[in-house]
Amino acid sequence: MSSANQVRASHILIKHQGSRRKASWKDPEGRVISNTTRESAVSQLQAIRDDIVSGKAKFDEVASRLSDCSSAKRGGDLGNFGRGQMQKPFEEATYNLKIGEISEVVDTDSGVHLIMRTG
């Protein structure tokens, strides 16, 4: 696939009771995840988004601390990907963003995400 059709993004993932896998690098037993409702995960991400947009926080620093994805070790960076490589809602949200833009909360089988398109 040519790189012209690819995007690059970083994300912050918050897993919750409805997530398909209830374990993560920071919660290997899934205890916190199993007790997190989707609603509380969404409100947590909305507060994080407000802090990032207002300049109170940096996306990569928050991702490193709070994301339930192993990409947290890279500040949330997922690298380049093309169509068909991510879950559909995640892919569509990413392709609809301009570089540097941050999505609203995006729901996937993995949990809820904030996505920042970086390329």
PDB file of N, CA and C in Angstrom:
ATOM      1  N   MET A   1       0.846  -1.181   0.000  1.00  0.00           N
ATOM      2  CA  MET A   1       0.000   0.000   0.000  1.00  0.00           C
ATOM      3  C   MET A   1       0.890   1.242   0.000  1.00  0.00           C
ATOM      4  N   SER A   2       0.550   2.201  -0.825  1.00  0.00           N
ATOM      5  CA  SER A   2       1.386   3.386  -0.892  1.00  0.00           C
ATOM      6  C   SER A   2       1.174   4.262   0.332  1.00  0.00           C
ATOM      7  N   SER A   3       2.224   4.951   0.727  1.00  0.00           N
ATOM      8  CA  SER A   3       2.124   5.769   1.926  1.00  0.00           C
ATOM      9  C   SER A   3       1.206   6.963   1.713  1.00  0.00           C
ATOM     10  N   ALA A   4       0.885   7.297   0.465  1.00  0.00           N
ATOM     11  CA  ALA A   4      -0.021   8.413   0.198  1.00  0.00           C
ATOM     12  C   ALA A   4      -1.419   8.141   0.747  1.00  0.00           C
ATOM     13  N   ASN A   5      -1.788   6.873   0.865  1.00  0.00           N
ATOM     14  CA  ASN A   5      -3.120   6.512   1.367  1.00  0.00           C
ATOM     15  C   ASN A   5      -3.117   6.257   2.866  1.00  0.00           C
ATOM     16  N   GLN A   6      -1.977   6.453   3.503  1.00  0.00           N
ATOM     17  CA  GLN A   6      -1.878   6.158   4.920  1.00  0.00           C
ATOM     18  C   GLN A   6      -1.982   7.423   5.765  1.00  0.00           C
ATOM     19  N   VAL A   7      -2.341   7.216   7.009  1.00  0.00           N
ATOM     20  CA  VAL A   7      -2.372   8.303   7.989  1.00  0.00           C
ATOM     21  C   VAL A   7      -1.500   7.878   9.161  1.00  0.00           C
ATOM     22  N   ARG A   8      -1.197   8.816  10.004  1.00  0.00           N
ATOM     23  CA  ARG A   8      -0.474   8.514  11.238  1.00  0.00           C
ATOM     24  C   ARG A   8      -1.254   9.151  12.369  1.00  0.00           C
ATOM     25  N   ALA A   9      -1.345   8.432  13.468  1.00  0.00           N
ATOM     26  CA  ALA A   9      -2.128   8.950  14.584  1.00  0.00           C
ATOM     27  C   ALA A   9      -1.570   8.466  15.908  1.00  0.00           C
ATOM     28  N   SER A  10      -1.921   9.219  16.938  1.00  0.00           N
ATOM     29  CA  SER A  10      -1.684   8.830  18.326  1.00  0.00           C
ATOM     30  C   SER A  10      -3.056   8.750  18.977  1.00  0.00           C
ATOM     31  N   HIS A  11      -3.155   7.956  20.036  1.00  0.00           N
ATOM     32  CA  HIS A  11      -4.443   7.887  20.711  1.00  0.00           C
ATOM     33  C   HIS A  11      -4.271   7.657  22.199  1.00  0.00           C
ATOM     34  N   ILE A  12      -5.352   7.934  22.906  1.00  0.00           N
ATOM     35  CA  ILE A  12      -5.469   7.613  24.321  1.00  0.00           C
ATOM     36  C   ILE A  12      -6.664   6.680  24.403  1.00  0.00           C
ATOM     37  N   LEU A  13      -6.437   5.484  24.920  1.00  0.00           N
ATOM     38  CA  LEU A  13      -7.497   4.484  25.046  1.00  0.00           C
ATOM     39  C   LEU A  13      -7.859   4.312  26.513  1.00  0.00           C
ATOM     40  N   ILE A  14      -9.139   4.366  26.802  1.00  0.00           N
ATOM     41  CA  ILE A  14      -9.629   4.013  28.136  1.00  0.00           C
ATOM     42  C   ILE A  14     -10.543   2.800  27.947  1.00  0.00           C
ATOM     43  N   LYS A  15     -10.140   1.683  28.525  1.00  0.00           N
ATOM     44  CA  LYS A  15     -10.963   0.476  28.455  1.00  0.00           C
ATOM     45  C   LYS A  15     -12.036   0.521  29.541  1.00  0.00           C
ATOM     46  N   HIS A  16     -13.109  -0.239  29.318  1.00  0.00           N
ATOM     47  CA  HIS A  16     -14.207  -0.260  30.290  1.00  0.00           C
ATOM     48  C   HIS A  16     -14.834  -1.654  30.302  1.00  0.00           C
ATOM     49  N   GLN A  17     -15.886  -1.815  31.102  1.00  0.00           N
ATOM     50  CA  GLN A  17     -16.533  -3.124  31.260  1.00  0.00           C
ATOM     51  C   GLN A  17     -16.912  -3.764  29.936  1.00  0.00           C
ATOM     52  N   GLY A  18     -17.282  -2.966  28.950  1.00  0.00           N
ATOM     53  CA  GLY A  18     -17.718  -3.497  27.657  1.00  0.00           C
ATOM     54  C   GLY A  18     -16.584  -3.751  26.676  1.00  0.00           C
ATOM     55  N   SER A  19     -15.350  -3.473  27.064  1.00  0.00           N
ATOM     56  CA  SER A  19     -14.211  -3.664  26.155  1.00  0.00           C
ATOM     57  C   SER A  19     -13.980  -5.147  25.900  1.00  0.00           C
ATOM     58  N   ARG A  20     -13.490  -5.446  24.702  1.00  0.00           N
ATOM     59  CA  ARG A  20     -13.341  -6.863  24.348  1.00  0.00           C
ATOM     60  C   ARG A  20     -12.248  -7.566  25.130  1.00  0.00           C
ATOM     61  N   ARG A  21     -11.197  -6.864  25.521  1.00  0.00           N
ATOM     62  CA  ARG A  21     -10.155  -7.481  26.365  1.00  0.00           C
ATOM     63  C   ARG A  21     -10.025  -6.647  27.617  1.00  0.00           C
ATOM     64  N   LYS A  22     -10.180  -7.281  28.753  1.00  0.00           N
ATOM     65  CA  LYS A  22     -10.209  -6.531  30.009  1.00  0.00           C
ATOM     66  C   LYS A  22      -8.866  -6.536  30.732  1.00  0.00           C
ATOM     67  N   ALA A  23      -7.816  -6.416  29.983  1.00  0.00           N
ATOM     68  CA  ALA A  23      -6.488  -6.300  30.592  1.00  0.00           C
ATOM     69  C   ALA A  23      -5.705  -5.301  29.759  1.00  0.00           C
ATOM     70  N   SER A  24      -4.722  -4.693  30.363  1.00  0.00           N
ATOM     71  CA  SER A  24      -3.878  -3.760  29.626  1.00  0.00           C
ATOM     72  C   SER A  24      -2.509  -3.728  30.276  1.00  0.00           C
ATOM     73  N   TRP A  25      -1.595  -3.021  29.671  1.00  0.00           N
ATOM     74  CA  TRP A  25      -0.235  -2.938  30.212  1.00  0.00           C
ATOM     75  C   TRP A  25      -0.246  -2.355  31.612  1.00  0.00           C
ATOM     76  N   LYS A  26      -1.177  -1.432  31.914  1.00  0.00           N
ATOM     77  CA  LYS A  26      -1.167  -0.826  33.244  1.00  0.00           C
ATOM     78  C   LYS A  26      -2.150  -1.486  34.202  1.00  0.00           C
ATOM     79  N   ASP A  27      -2.983  -2.382  33.676  1.00  0.00           N
ATOM     80  CA  ASP A  27      -3.966  -3.093  34.511  1.00  0.00           C
ATOM     81  C   ASP A  27      -4.018  -4.552  34.040  1.00  0.00           C
ATOM     82  N   PRO A  28      -2.909  -5.294  34.245  1.00  0.00           N
ATOM     83  CA  PRO A  28      -2.803  -6.641  33.677  1.00  0.00           C
ATOM     84  C   PRO A  28      -3.882  -7.612  34.143  1.00  0.00           C
ATOM     85  N   GLU A  29      -4.403  -7.403  35.345  1.00  0.00           N
ATOM     86  CA  GLU A  29      -5.468  -8.284  35.852  1.00  0.00           C
ATOM     87  C   GLU A  29      -6.850  -7.793  35.428  1.00  0.00           C
ATOM     88  N   GLY A  30      -6.922  -6.582  34.890  1.00  0.00           N
ATOM     89  CA  GLY A  30      -8.192  -6.024  34.446  1.00  0.00           C
ATOM     90  C   GLY A  30      -9.120  -5.600  35.567  1.00  0.00           C
ATOM     91  N   ARG A  31      -8.580  -5.409  36.770  1.00  0.00           N
ATOM     92  CA  ARG A  31      -9.437  -5.052  37.921  1.00  0.00           C
ATOM     93  C   ARG A  31     -10.091  -3.680  37.755  1.00  0.00           C
ATOM     94  N   VAL A  32      -9.291  -2.689  37.401  1.00  0.00           N
ATOM     95  CA  VAL A  32      -9.829  -1.339  37.231  1.00  0.00           C
ATOM     96  C   VAL A  32     -10.762  -1.304  36.021  1.00  0.00           C
ATOM     97  N   ILE A  33     -10.328  -1.935  34.941  1.00  0.00           N
ATOM     98  CA  ILE A  33     -11.128  -1.942  33.715  1.00  0.00           C
ATOM     99  C   ILE A  33     -12.503  -2.561  33.967  1.00  0.00           C
ATOM    100  N   SER A  34     -12.547  -3.660  34.674  1.00  0.00           N
ATOM    101  CA  SER A  34     -13.823  -4.335  34.946  1.00  0.00           C
ATOM    102  C   SER A  34     -14.766  -3.493  35.785  1.00  0.00           C
ATOM    103  N   ASN A  35     -14.218  -2.543  36.548  1.00  0.00           N
ATOM    104  CA  ASN A  35     -15.043  -1.674  37.388  1.00  0.00           C
ATOM    105  C   ASN A  35     -15.334  -0.321  36.753  1.00  0.00           C
ATOM    106  N   THR A  36     -14.843  -0.101  35.547  1.00  0.00           N
ATOM    107  CA  THR A  36     -15.038   1.179  34.868  1.00  0.00           C
ATOM    108  C   THR A  36     -16.225   1.074  33.922  1.00  0.00           C
ATOM    109  N   THR A  37     -17.205   1.939  34.103  1.00  0.00           N
ATOM    110  CA  THR A  37     -18.336   1.951  33.182  1.00  0.00           C
ATOM    111  C   THR A  37     -17.940   2.710  31.924  1.00  0.00           C
ATOM    112  N   ARG A  38     -18.662   2.475  30.841  1.00  0.00           N
ATOM    113  CA  ARG A  38     -18.405   3.202  29.608  1.00  0.00           C
ATOM    114  C   ARG A  38     -18.600   4.701  29.860  1.00  0.00           C
ATOM    115  N   GLU A  39     -19.643   5.038  30.616  1.00  0.00           N
ATOM    116  CA  GLU A  39     -19.944   6.449  30.896  1.00  0.00           C
ATOM    117  C   GLU A  39     -18.792   7.131  31.641  1.00  0.00           C
ATOM    118  N   SER A  40     -18.210   6.441  32.619  1.00  0.00           N
ATOM    119  CA  SER A  40     -17.107   7.077  33.356  1.00  0.00           C
ATOM    120  C   SER A  40     -15.864   7.182  32.477  1.00  0.00           C
ATOM    121  N   ALA A  41     -15.654   6.208  31.592  1.00  0.00           N
ATOM    122  CA  ALA A  41     -14.521   6.277  30.666  1.00  0.00           C
ATOM    123  C   ALA A  41     -14.692   7.461  29.712  1.00  0.00           C
ATOM    124  N   VAL A  42     -15.906   7.654  29.206  1.00  0.00           N
ATOM    125  CA  VAL A  42     -16.189   8.772  28.301  1.00  0.00           C
ATOM    126  C   VAL A  42     -15.992  10.101  29.012  1.00  0.00           C
ATOM    127  N   SER A  43     -16.513  10.233  30.239  1.00  0.00           N
ATOM    128  CA  SER A  43     -16.363  11.516  30.926  1.00  0.00           C
ATOM    129  C   SER A  43     -14.901  11.789  31.277  1.00  0.00           C
ATOM    130  N   GLN A  44     -14.145  10.738  31.585  1.00  0.00           N
ATOM    131  CA  GLN A  44     -12.714  10.916  31.837  1.00  0.00           C
ATOM    132  C   GLN A  44     -12.023  11.445  30.573  1.00  0.00           C
ATOM    133  N   LEU A  45     -12.344  10.854  29.419  1.00  0.00           N
ATOM    134  CA  LEU A  45     -11.718  11.304  28.164  1.00  0.00           C
ATOM    135  C   LEU A  45     -12.149  12.725  27.802  1.00  0.00           C
ATOM    136  N   GLN A  46     -13.397  13.069  28.063  1.00  0.00           N
ATOM    137  CA  GLN A  46     -13.843  14.436  27.749  1.00  0.00           C
ATOM    138  C   GLN A  46     -13.082  15.463  28.583  1.00  0.00           C
ATOM    139  N   ALA A  47     -12.835  15.134  29.844  1.00  0.00           N
ATOM    140  CA  ALA A  47     -12.059  16.035  30.706  1.00  0.00           C
ATOM    141  C   ALA A  47     -10.615  16.130  30.209  1.00  0.00           C
ATOM    142  N   ILE A  48     -10.049  15.000  29.798  1.00  0.00           N
ATOM    143  CA  ILE A  48      -8.682  14.987  29.255  1.00  0.00           C
ATOM    144  C   ILE A  48      -8.616  15.837  27.997  1.00  0.00           C
ATOM    145  N   ARG A  49      -9.597  15.672  27.117  1.00  0.00           N
ATOM    146  CA  ARG A  49      -9.622  16.433  25.859  1.00  0.00           C
ATOM    147  C   ARG A  49      -9.665  17.930  26.158  1.00  0.00           C
ATOM    148  N   ASP A  50     -10.510  18.337  27.109  1.00  0.00           N
ATOM    149  CA  ASP A  50     -10.599  19.754  27.490  1.00  0.00           C
ATOM    150  C   ASP A  50      -9.250  20.276  27.952  1.00  0.00           C
ATOM    151  N   ASP A  51      -8.549  19.492  28.766  1.00  0.00           N
ATOM    152  CA  ASP A  51      -7.232  19.904  29.270  1.00  0.00           C
ATOM    153  C   ASP A  51      -6.216  20.042  28.140  1.00  0.00           C
ATOM    154  N   ILE A  52      -6.258  19.120  27.169  1.00  0.00           N
ATOM    155  CA  ILE A  52      -5.305  19.174  26.051  1.00  0.00           C
ATOM    156  C   ILE A  52      -5.615  20.364  25.151  1.00  0.00           C
ATOM    157  N   VAL A  53      -6.883  20.537  24.796  1.00  0.00           N
ATOM    158  CA  VAL A  53      -7.275  21.631  23.899  1.00  0.00           C
ATOM    159  C   VAL A  53      -6.993  22.993  24.532  1.00  0.00           C
ATOM    160  N   SER A  54      -7.183  23.096  25.846  1.00  0.00           N
ATOM    161  CA  SER A  54      -6.945  24.383  26.531  1.00  0.00           C
ATOM    162  C   SER A  54      -5.461  24.621  26.815  1.00  0.00           C
ATOM    163  N   GLY A  55      -4.620  23.626  26.552  1.00  0.00           N
ATOM    164  CA  GLY A  55      -3.190  23.800  26.766  1.00  0.00           C
ATOM    165  C   GLY A  55      -2.712  23.413  28.160  1.00  0.00           C
ATOM    166  N   LYS A  56      -3.613  22.907  29.011  1.00  0.00           N
ATOM    167  CA  LYS A  56      -3.221  22.507  30.366  1.00  0.00           C
ATOM    168  C   LYS A  56      -2.436  21.201  30.375  1.00  0.00           C
ATOM    169  N   ALA A  57      -2.590  20.405  29.300  1.00  0.00           N
ATOM    170  CA  ALA A  57      -1.906  19.110  29.238  1.00  0.00           C
ATOM    171  C   ALA A  57      -1.433  18.859  27.814  1.00  0.00           C
ATOM    172  N   LYS A  58      -0.419  17.990  27.693  1.00  0.00           N
ATOM    173  CA  LYS A  58       0.105  17.609  26.381  1.00  0.00           C
ATOM    174  C   LYS A  58      -0.380  16.200  26.059  1.00  0.00           C
ATOM    175  N   PHE A  59      -0.824  16.008  24.817  1.00  0.00           N
ATOM    176  CA  PHE A  59      -1.412  14.732  24.401  1.00  0.00           C
ATOM    177  C   PHE A  59      -0.495  13.562  24.722  1.00  0.00           C
ATOM    178  N   ASP A  60       0.772  13.653  24.295  1.00  0.00           N
ATOM    179  CA  ASP A  60       1.680  12.510  24.463  1.00  0.00           C
ATOM    180  C   ASP A  60       1.959  12.204  25.939  1.00  0.00           C
ATOM    181  N   GLU A  61       2.013  13.249  26.771  1.00  0.00           N
ATOM    182  CA  GLU A  61       2.261  13.015  28.201  1.00  0.00           C
ATOM    183  C   GLU A  61       1.069  12.333  28.868  1.00  0.00           C
ATOM    184  N   VAL A  62      -0.137  12.768  28.503  1.00  0.00           N
ATOM    185  CA  VAL A  62      -1.341  12.145  29.062  1.00  0.00           C
ATOM    186  C   VAL A  62      -1.438  10.697  28.580  1.00  0.00           C
ATOM    187  N   ALA A  63      -1.167  10.481  27.300  1.00  0.00           N
ATOM    188  CA  ALA A  63      -1.214   9.118  26.749  1.00  0.00           C
ATOM    189  C   ALA A  63      -0.234   8.209  27.489  1.00  0.00           C
ATOM    190  N   SER A  64       0.963   8.702  27.734  1.00  0.00           N
ATOM    191  CA  SER A  64       1.984   7.900  28.424  1.00  0.00           C
ATOM    192  C   SER A  64       1.534   7.465  29.807  1.00  0.00           C
ATOM    193  N   ARG A  65       0.797   8.345  30.475  1.00  0.00           N
ATOM    194  CA  ARG A  65       0.353   8.086  31.842  1.00  0.00           C
ATOM    195  C   ARG A  65      -0.947   7.298  31.915  1.00  0.00           C
ATOM    196  N   LEU A  66      -1.898   7.599  31.036  1.00  0.00           N
ATOM    197  CA  LEU A  66      -3.257   7.114  31.237  1.00  0.00           C
ATOM    198  C   LEU A  66      -3.778   6.102  30.226  1.00  0.00           C
ATOM    199  N   SER A  67      -3.189   6.021  29.043  1.00  0.00           N
ATOM    200  CA  SER A  67      -3.758   5.139  28.017  1.00  0.00           C
ATOM    201  C   SER A  67      -3.633   3.675  28.396  1.00  0.00           C
ATOM    202  N   ASP A  68      -4.693   2.913  28.103  1.00  0.00           N
ATOM    203  CA  ASP A  68      -4.689   1.469  28.344  1.00  0.00           C
ATOM    204  C   ASP A  68      -4.076   0.688  27.187  1.00  0.00           C
ATOM    205  N   CYS A  69      -3.523   1.369  26.217  1.00  0.00           N
ATOM    206  CA  CYS A  69      -2.885   0.709  25.064  1.00  0.00           C
ATOM    207  C   CYS A  69      -1.369   0.693  25.277  1.00  0.00           C
ATOM    208  N   SER A  70      -0.722  -0.351  24.800  1.00  0.00           N
ATOM    209  CA  SER A  70       0.743  -0.424  24.934  1.00  0.00           C
ATOM    210  C   SER A  70       1.432   0.703  24.170  1.00  0.00           C
ATOM    211  N   SER A  71       0.717   1.377  23.251  1.00  0.00           N
ATOM    212  CA  SER A  71       1.299   2.529  22.554  1.00  0.00           C
ATOM    213  C   SER A  71       1.586   3.676  23.527  1.00  0.00           C
ATOM    214  N   ALA A  72       1.083   3.575  24.751  1.00  0.00           N
ATOM    215  CA  ALA A  72       1.354   4.596  25.771  1.00  0.00           C
ATOM    216  C   ALA A  72       2.858   4.795  25.940  1.00  0.00           C
ATOM    217  N   LYS A  73       3.622   3.714  25.790  1.00  0.00           N
ATOM    218  CA  LYS A  73       5.079   3.799  25.939  1.00  0.00           C
ATOM    219  C   LYS A  73       5.698   4.710  24.885  1.00  0.00           C
ATOM    220  N   ARG A  74       4.945   4.978  23.800  1.00  0.00           N
ATOM    221  CA  ARG A  74       5.406   5.867  22.727  1.00  0.00           C
ATOM    222  C   ARG A  74       4.572   7.146  22.687  1.00  0.00           C
ATOM    223  N   GLY A  75       3.994   7.513  23.823  1.00  0.00           N
ATOM    224  CA  GLY A  75       3.156   8.709  23.866  1.00  0.00           C
ATOM    225  C   GLY A  75       1.865   8.553  23.080  1.00  0.00           C
ATOM    226  N   GLY A  76       1.434   7.306  22.891  1.00  0.00           N
ATOM    227  CA  GLY A  76       0.197   7.030  22.172  1.00  0.00           C
ATOM    228  C   GLY A  76       0.372   6.827  20.676  1.00  0.00           C
ATOM    229  N   ASP A  77       1.604   6.967  20.172  1.00  0.00           N
ATOM    230  CA  ASP A  77       1.849   6.879  18.729  1.00  0.00           C
ATOM    231  C   ASP A  77       1.565   5.477  18.191  1.00  0.00           C
ATOM    232  N   LEU A  78       0.698   5.413  17.180  1.00  0.00           N
ATOM    233  CA  LEU A  78       0.362   4.139  16.529  1.00  0.00           C
ATOM    234  C   LEU A  78       1.113   3.943  15.219  1.00  0.00           C
ATOM    235  N   GLY A  79       1.867   4.949  14.805  1.00  0.00           N
ATOM    236  CA  GLY A  79       2.568   4.854  13.532  1.00  0.00           C
ATOM    237  C   GLY A  79       1.604   5.036  12.370  1.00  0.00           C
ATOM    238  N   ASN A  80       2.079   4.672  11.173  1.00  0.00           N
ATOM    239  CA  ASN A  80       1.272   4.811   9.966  1.00  0.00           C
ATOM    240  C   ASN A  80       0.348   3.614   9.804  1.00  0.00           C
ATOM    241  N   PHE A  81      -0.833   3.867   9.271  1.00  0.00           N
ATOM    242  CA  PHE A  81      -1.734   2.777   8.922  1.00  0.00           C
ATOM    243  C   PHE A  81      -2.641   3.217   7.783  1.00  0.00           C
ATOM    244  N   GLY A  82      -3.149   2.226   7.089  1.00  0.00           N
ATOM    245  CA  GLY A  82      -4.039   2.498   5.963  1.00  0.00           C
ATOM    246  C   GLY A  82      -5.434   2.006   6.252  1.00  0.00           C
ATOM    247  N   ARG A  83      -6.291   2.174   5.284  1.00  0.00           N
ATOM    248  CA  ARG A  83      -7.678   1.734   5.424  1.00  0.00           C
ATOM    249  C   ARG A  83      -7.726   0.220   5.602  1.00  0.00           C
ATOM    250  N   GLY A  84      -8.616  -0.228   6.474  1.00  0.00           N
ATOM    251  CA  GLY A  84      -8.783  -1.658   6.707  1.00  0.00           C
ATOM    252  C   GLY A  84      -7.870  -2.230   7.775  1.00  0.00           C
ATOM    253  N   GLN A  85      -7.012  -1.418   8.375  1.00  0.00           N
ATOM    254  CA  GLN A  85      -6.078  -1.915   9.390  1.00  0.00           C
ATOM    255  C   GLN A  85      -6.551  -1.680  10.818  1.00  0.00           C
ATOM    256  N   MET A  86      -7.484  -0.764  10.987  1.00  0.00           N
ATOM    257  CA  MET A  86      -8.009  -0.433  12.318  1.00  0.00           C
ATOM    258  C   MET A  86      -9.509  -0.708  12.323  1.00  0.00           C
ATOM    259  N   GLN A  87     -10.096  -0.729  13.526  1.00  0.00           N
ATOM    260  CA  GLN A  87     -11.541  -0.867  13.595  1.00  0.00           C
ATOM    261  C   GLN A  87     -12.188   0.321  12.879  1.00  0.00           C
ATOM    262  N   LYS A  88     -13.293   0.049  12.199  1.00  0.00           N
ATOM    263  CA  LYS A  88     -13.934   1.040  11.325  1.00  0.00           C
ATOM    264  C   LYS A  88     -14.171   2.407  11.988  1.00  0.00           C
ATOM    265  N   PRO A  89     -14.754   2.475  13.186  1.00  0.00           N
ATOM    266  CA  PRO A  89     -14.988   3.807  13.775  1.00  0.00           C
ATOM    267  C   PRO A  89     -13.683   4.581  14.009  1.00  0.00           C
ATOM    268  N   PHE A  90     -12.636   3.855  14.405  1.00  0.00           N
ATOM    269  CA  PHE A  90     -11.334   4.479  14.646  1.00  0.00           C
ATOM    270  C   PHE A  90     -10.764   5.001  13.330  1.00  0.00           C
ATOM    271  N   GLU A  91     -10.811   4.158  12.308  1.00  0.00           N
ATOM    272  CA  GLU A  91     -10.299   4.538  10.986  1.00  0.00           C
ATOM    273  C   GLU A  91     -11.034   5.759  10.447  1.00  0.00           C
ATOM    274  N   GLU A  92     -12.353   5.731  10.482  1.00  0.00           N
ATOM    275  CA  GLU A  92     -13.132   6.845   9.934  1.00  0.00           C
ATOM    276  C   GLU A  92     -12.836   8.142  10.673  1.00  0.00           C
ATOM    277  N   ALA A  93     -12.766   8.078  11.992  1.00  0.00           N
ATOM    278  CA  ALA A  93     -12.475   9.279  12.776  1.00  0.00           C
ATOM    279  C   ALA A  93     -11.102   9.839  12.410  1.00  0.00           C
ATOM    280  N   THR A  94     -10.120   8.957  12.275  1.00  0.00           N
ATOM    281  CA  THR A  94      -8.756   9.406  11.968  1.00  0.00           C
ATOM    282  C   THR A  94      -8.687  10.059  10.592  1.00  0.00           C
ATOM    283  N   TYR A  95      -9.277   9.419   9.592  1.00  0.00           N
ATOM    284  CA  TYR A  95      -9.244   9.969   8.237  1.00  0.00           C
ATOM    285  C   TYR A  95     -10.008  11.281   8.128  1.00  0.00           C
ATOM    286  N   ASN A  96     -10.974  11.513   9.021  1.00  0.00           N
ATOM    287  CA  ASN A  96     -11.747  12.759   8.988  1.00  0.00           C
ATOM    288  C   ASN A  96     -11.064  13.913   9.698  1.00  0.00           C
ATOM    289  N   LEU A  97      -9.991  13.629  10.439  1.00  0.00           N
ATOM    290  CA  LEU A  97      -9.260  14.684  11.146  1.00  0.00           C
ATOM    291  C   LEU A  97      -8.233  15.330  10.231  1.00  0.00           C
ATOM    292  N   LYS A  98      -7.954  16.602  10.493  1.00  0.00           N
ATOM    293  CA  LYS A  98      -6.813  17.256   9.856  1.00  0.00           C
ATOM    294  C   LYS A  98      -5.597  16.983  10.741  1.00  0.00           C
ATOM    295  N   ILE A  99      -4.412  17.066  10.178  1.00  0.00           N
ATOM    296  CA  ILE A  99      -3.196  16.856  10.958  1.00  0.00           C
ATOM    297  C   ILE A  99      -3.160  17.859  12.113  1.00  0.00           C
ATOM    298  N   GLY A 100      -2.921  17.330  13.327  1.00  0.00           N
ATOM    299  CA  GLY A 100      -2.873  18.158  14.521  1.00  0.00           C
ATOM    300  C   GLY A 100      -4.201  18.263  15.251  1.00  0.00           C
ATOM    301  N   GLU A 101      -5.278  17.805  14.603  1.00  0.00           N
ATOM    302  CA  GLU A 101      -6.607  17.866  15.215  1.00  0.00           C
ATOM    303  C   GLU A 101      -6.827  16.686  16.153  1.00  0.00           C
ATOM    304  N   ILE A 102      -7.664  16.911  17.168  1.00  0.00           N
ATOM    305  CA  ILE A 102      -7.997  15.867  18.143  1.00  0.00           C
ATOM    306  C   ILE A 102      -9.483  15.550  18.017  1.00  0.00           C
ATOM    307  N   SER A 103      -9.784  14.267  17.962  1.00  0.00           N
ATOM    308  CA  SER A 103     -11.173  13.823  17.802  1.00  0.00           C
ATOM    309  C   SER A 103     -11.986  14.065  19.061  1.00  0.00           C
ATOM    310  N   GLU A 104     -13.279  13.954  18.902  1.00  0.00           N
ATOM    311  CA  GLU A 104     -14.173  13.793  20.045  1.00  0.00           C
ATOM    312  C   GLU A 104     -13.964  12.347  20.501  1.00  0.00           C
ATOM    313  N   VAL A 105     -14.707  11.880  21.494  1.00  0.00           N
ATOM    314  CA  VAL A 105     -14.578  10.504  21.968  1.00  0.00           C
ATOM    315  C   VAL A 105     -15.057   9.550  20.875  1.00  0.00           C
ATOM    316  N   VAL A 106     -14.236   8.528  20.592  1.00  0.00           N
ATOM    317  CA  VAL A 106     -14.558   7.526  19.574  1.00  0.00           C
ATOM    318  C   VAL A 106     -14.711   6.173  20.262  1.00  0.00           C
ATOM    319  N   ASP A 107     -15.811   5.507  19.965  1.00  0.00           N
ATOM    320  CA  ASP A 107     -16.152   4.212  20.553  1.00  0.00           C
ATOM    321  C   ASP A 107     -15.733   3.072  19.641  1.00  0.00           C
ATOM    322  N   THR A 108     -14.983   2.082  20.157  1.00  0.00           N
ATOM    323  CA  THR A 108     -14.694   0.855  19.405  1.00  0.00           C
ATOM    324  C   THR A 108     -14.871  -0.336  20.348  1.00  0.00           C
ATOM    325  N   ASP A 109     -14.693  -1.532  19.823  1.00  0.00           N
ATOM    326  CA  ASP A 109     -14.765  -2.734  20.653  1.00  0.00           C
ATOM    327  C   ASP A 109     -13.674  -2.748  21.722  1.00  0.00           C
ATOM    328  N   SER A 110     -12.609  -1.992  21.494  1.00  0.00           N
ATOM    329  CA  SER A 110     -11.492  -1.960  22.447  1.00  0.00           C
ATOM    330  C   SER A 110     -11.758  -1.058  23.644  1.00  0.00           C
ATOM    331  N   GLY A 111     -12.621  -0.071  23.465  1.00  0.00           N
ATOM    332  CA  GLY A 111     -12.900   0.902  24.504  1.00  0.00           C
ATOM    333  C   GLY A 111     -13.221   2.235  23.886  1.00  0.00           C
ATOM    334  N   VAL A 112     -12.928   3.314  24.604  1.00  0.00           N
ATOM    335  CA  VAL A 112     -13.145   4.647  24.063  1.00  0.00           C
ATOM    336  C   VAL A 112     -11.792   5.337  23.876  1.00  0.00           C
ATOM    337  N   HIS A 113     -11.713   6.142  22.827  1.00  0.00           N
ATOM    338  CA  HIS A 113     -10.433   6.739  22.418  1.00  0.00           C
ATOM    339  C   HIS A 113     -10.560   8.233  22.203  1.00  0.00           C
ATOM    340  N   LEU A 114      -9.442   8.930  22.393  1.00  0.00           N
ATOM    341  CA  LEU A 114      -9.202  10.246  21.819  1.00  0.00           C
ATOM    342  C   LEU A 114      -8.117  10.005  20.785  1.00  0.00           C
ATOM    343  N   ILE A 115      -8.294  10.554  19.608  1.00  0.00           N
ATOM    344  CA  ILE A 115      -7.327  10.344  18.527  1.00  0.00           C
ATOM    345  C   ILE A 115      -6.779  11.687  18.103  1.00  0.00           C
ATOM    346  N   MET A 116      -5.467  11.743  17.931  1.00  0.00           N
ATOM    347  CA  MET A 116      -4.845  12.924  17.349  1.00  0.00           C
ATOM    348  C   MET A 116      -4.154  12.485  16.064  1.00  0.00           C
ATOM    349  N   ARG A 117      -4.567  13.073  14.956  1.00  0.00           N
ATOM    350  CA  ARG A 117      -3.915  12.753  13.690  1.00  0.00           C
ATOM    351  C   ARG A 117      -2.586  13.495  13.635  1.00  0.00           C
ATOM    352  N   THR A 118      -1.531  12.748  13.358  1.00  0.00           N
ATOM    353  CA  THR A 118      -0.191  13.350  13.347  1.00  0.00           C
ATOM    354  C   THR A 118       0.455  13.336  11.966  1.00  0.00           C
ATOM    355  N   GLY A 119      -0.180  12.679  11.025  1.00  0.00           N
ATOM    356  CA  GLY A 119       0.394  12.636   9.672  1.00  0.00           C
ATOM    357  C   GLY A 119      -0.565  12.051   8.685  1.00  0.00           C
TER     358      GLY A 119
END
